[in-house]
Amino acid sequence: MECRPNCGACCTAPSITSPIPGMPNGKPAGVRCIQLADDNRCLIFGKPERPAFCGGLQPAADMCGDSRAYAIRWLGELERATCPN
């Protein structure tokens, strides 16, 4: 499966605990990554500074569903289910 154009759900919904260029402490869940362009494409895709978490999160039908809203909801539920708090 390929990423849906203009989605960026995986760069918004989950928390990322490792440093991201421009976000040295990572990012909290629900916050748009600073490396997400206006067209919702990753500006550091394929670059060594891209966090391993991001490279490991691959598009899949169960995660992406049929819309950005679905993906945001699915990833948000996963975030809540795996949050240590």
C-alpha atoms as a PDB file:
ATOM      1  CA  MET A   1       0.000   0.000   0.000  1.00  0.00           C
ATOM      2  CA  GLU A   2       1.189   3.533  -0.713  1.00  0.00           C
ATOM      3  CA  CYS A   3       0.607   6.615   1.395  1.00  0.00           C
ATOM      4  CA  ARG A   4      -2.587   8.500   0.644  1.00  0.00           C
ATOM      5  CA  PRO A   5      -1.817  11.902  -0.889  1.00  0.00           C
ATOM      6  CA  ASN A   6      -2.244  14.847   1.480  1.00  0.00           C
ATOM      7  CA  CYS A   7      -2.812  12.675   4.577  1.00  0.00           C
ATOM      8  CA  GLY A   8       0.010  12.990   7.125  1.00  0.00           C
ATOM      9  CA  ALA A   9      -1.998  11.220   9.831  1.00  0.00           C
ATOM     10  CA  CYS A  10       1.037   9.192  10.914  1.00  0.00           C
ATOM     11  CA  CYS A  11       2.982  12.456  11.336  1.00  0.00           C
ATOM     12  CA  THR A  12       0.274  13.985  13.516  1.00  0.00           C
ATOM     13  CA  ALA A  13      -1.578  11.383  15.597  1.00  0.00           C
ATOM     14  CA  PRO A  14       1.182   9.383  17.335  1.00  0.00           C
ATOM     15  CA  SER A  15       3.715  10.639  19.838  1.00  0.00           C
ATOM     16  CA  ILE A  16       7.353  10.414  18.803  1.00  0.00           C
ATOM     17  CA  THR A  17       9.831  10.242  21.668  1.00  0.00           C
ATOM     18  CA  SER A  18      13.051  10.500  19.674  1.00  0.00           C
ATOM     19  CA  PRO A  19      14.492  13.804  18.430  1.00  0.00           C
ATOM     20  CA  ILE A  20      13.222  15.247  15.164  1.00  0.00           C
ATOM     21  CA  PRO A  21      15.025  18.133  13.451  1.00  0.00           C
ATOM     22  CA  GLY A  22      13.303  21.202  14.865  1.00  0.00           C
ATOM     23  CA  MET A  23      11.704  19.148  17.673  1.00  0.00           C
ATOM     24  CA  PRO A  24      14.622  17.981  19.824  1.00  0.00           C
ATOM     25  CA  ASN A  25      12.329  16.366  22.409  1.00  0.00           C
ATOM     26  CA  GLY A  26      10.159  14.591  19.860  1.00  0.00           C
ATOM     27  CA  LYS A  27       6.468  15.441  19.683  1.00  0.00           C
ATOM     28  CA  PRO A  28       3.357  14.670  21.687  1.00  0.00           C
ATOM     29  CA  ALA A  29       0.406  12.790  20.251  1.00  0.00           C
ATOM     30  CA  GLY A  30      -1.944  14.943  18.210  1.00  0.00           C
ATOM     31  CA  VAL A  31       0.694  17.555  17.393  1.00  0.00           C
ATOM     32  CA  ARG A  32       1.679  18.070  13.777  1.00  0.00           C
ATOM     33  CA  CYS A  33       5.349  17.261  13.136  1.00  0.00           C
ATOM     34  CA  ILE A  34       7.391  20.310  12.184  1.00  0.00           C
ATOM     35  CA  GLN A  35       8.828  18.280   9.284  1.00  0.00           C
ATOM     36  CA  LEU A  36       5.394  17.842   7.701  1.00  0.00           C
ATOM     37  CA  ALA A  37       5.080  20.066   4.624  1.00  0.00           C
ATOM     38  CA  ASP A  38       1.933  21.989   3.683  1.00  0.00           C
ATOM     39  CA  ASP A  39       0.994  19.111   1.362  1.00  0.00           C
ATOM     40  CA  ASN A  40       1.397  16.660   4.284  1.00  0.00           C
ATOM     41  CA  ARG A  41       4.559  15.060   2.926  1.00  0.00           C
ATOM     42  CA  CYS A  42       7.573  14.385   5.133  1.00  0.00           C
ATOM     43  CA  LEU A  43      10.404  16.832   4.477  1.00  0.00           C
ATOM     44  CA  ILE A  44      13.012  14.410   5.868  1.00  0.00           C
ATOM     45  CA  PHE A  45      11.746  11.216   4.232  1.00  0.00           C
ATOM     46  CA  GLY A  46      14.691   9.008   3.305  1.00  0.00           C
ATOM     47  CA  LYS A  47      17.175  11.160   5.223  1.00  0.00           C
ATOM     48  CA  PRO A  48      19.304   9.845   8.105  1.00  0.00           C
ATOM     49  CA  GLU A  49      17.853  12.358  10.567  1.00  0.00           C
ATOM     50  CA  ARG A  50      14.373  10.869  10.169  1.00  0.00           C
ATOM     51  CA  PRO A  51      13.495   8.991  13.390  1.00  0.00           C
ATOM     52  CA  ALA A  52      13.503   5.187  13.198  1.00  0.00           C
ATOM     53  CA  PHE A  53       9.918   5.218  14.513  1.00  0.00           C
ATOM     54  CA  CYS A  54       8.808   7.054  11.386  1.00  0.00           C
ATOM     55  CA  GLY A  55      10.568   4.635   9.060  1.00  0.00           C
ATOM     56  CA  GLY A  56       8.989   1.704  10.874  1.00  0.00           C
ATOM     57  CA  LEU A  57       5.454   3.009  10.509  1.00  0.00           C
ATOM     58  CA  GLN A  58       4.381   1.726   7.111  1.00  0.00           C
ATOM     59  CA  PRO A  59       1.011   2.348   5.443  1.00  0.00           C
ATOM     60  CA  ALA A  60      -1.442  -0.515   5.816  1.00  0.00           C
ATOM     61  CA  ALA A  61      -5.144  -0.909   5.102  1.00  0.00           C
ATOM     62  CA  ASP A  62      -6.076  -1.455   8.760  1.00  0.00           C
ATOM     63  CA  MET A  63      -4.229   1.703   9.853  1.00  0.00           C
ATOM     64  CA  CYS A  64      -5.012   4.001   6.938  1.00  0.00           C
ATOM     65  CA  GLY A  65      -8.572   2.934   6.192  1.00  0.00           C
ATOM     66  CA  ASP A  66     -10.342   4.968   3.542  1.00  0.00           C
ATOM     67  CA  SER A  67      -9.635   8.488   4.789  1.00  0.00           C
ATOM     68  CA  ARG A  68      -7.291  10.711   6.772  1.00  0.00           C
ATOM     69  CA  ALA A  69      -9.947  10.995   9.485  1.00  0.00           C
ATOM     70  CA  TYR A  70     -10.042   7.199   9.823  1.00  0.00           C
ATOM     71  CA  ALA A  71      -6.230   7.025  10.102  1.00  0.00           C
ATOM     72  CA  ILE A  72      -6.141   9.813  12.718  1.00  0.00           C
ATOM     73  CA  ARG A  73      -8.794   7.994  14.761  1.00  0.00           C
ATOM     74  CA  TRP A  74      -7.083   4.572  14.432  1.00  0.00           C
ATOM     75  CA  LEU A  75      -3.652   5.919  15.337  1.00  0.00           C
ATOM     76  CA  GLY A  76      -5.128   7.903  18.228  1.00  0.00           C
ATOM     77  CA  GLU A  77      -6.719   4.753  19.634  1.00  0.00           C
ATOM     78  CA  LEU A  78      -3.413   2.901  19.282  1.00  0.00           C
ATOM     79  CA  GLU A  79      -1.631   5.764  21.045  1.00  0.00           C
ATOM     80  CA  ARG A  80      -4.067   5.634  23.969  1.00  0.00           C
ATOM     81  CA  ALA A  81      -3.865   1.817  24.184  1.00  0.00           C
ATOM     82  CA  THR A  82      -0.064   1.851  24.351  1.00  0.00           C
ATOM     83  CA  CYS A  83       0.467   4.943  26.515  1.00  0.00           C
ATOM     84  CA  PRO A  84       2.340   4.021  29.706  1.00  0.00           C
ATOM     85  CA  ASN A  85       0.332   6.498  31.837  1.00  0.00           C
END
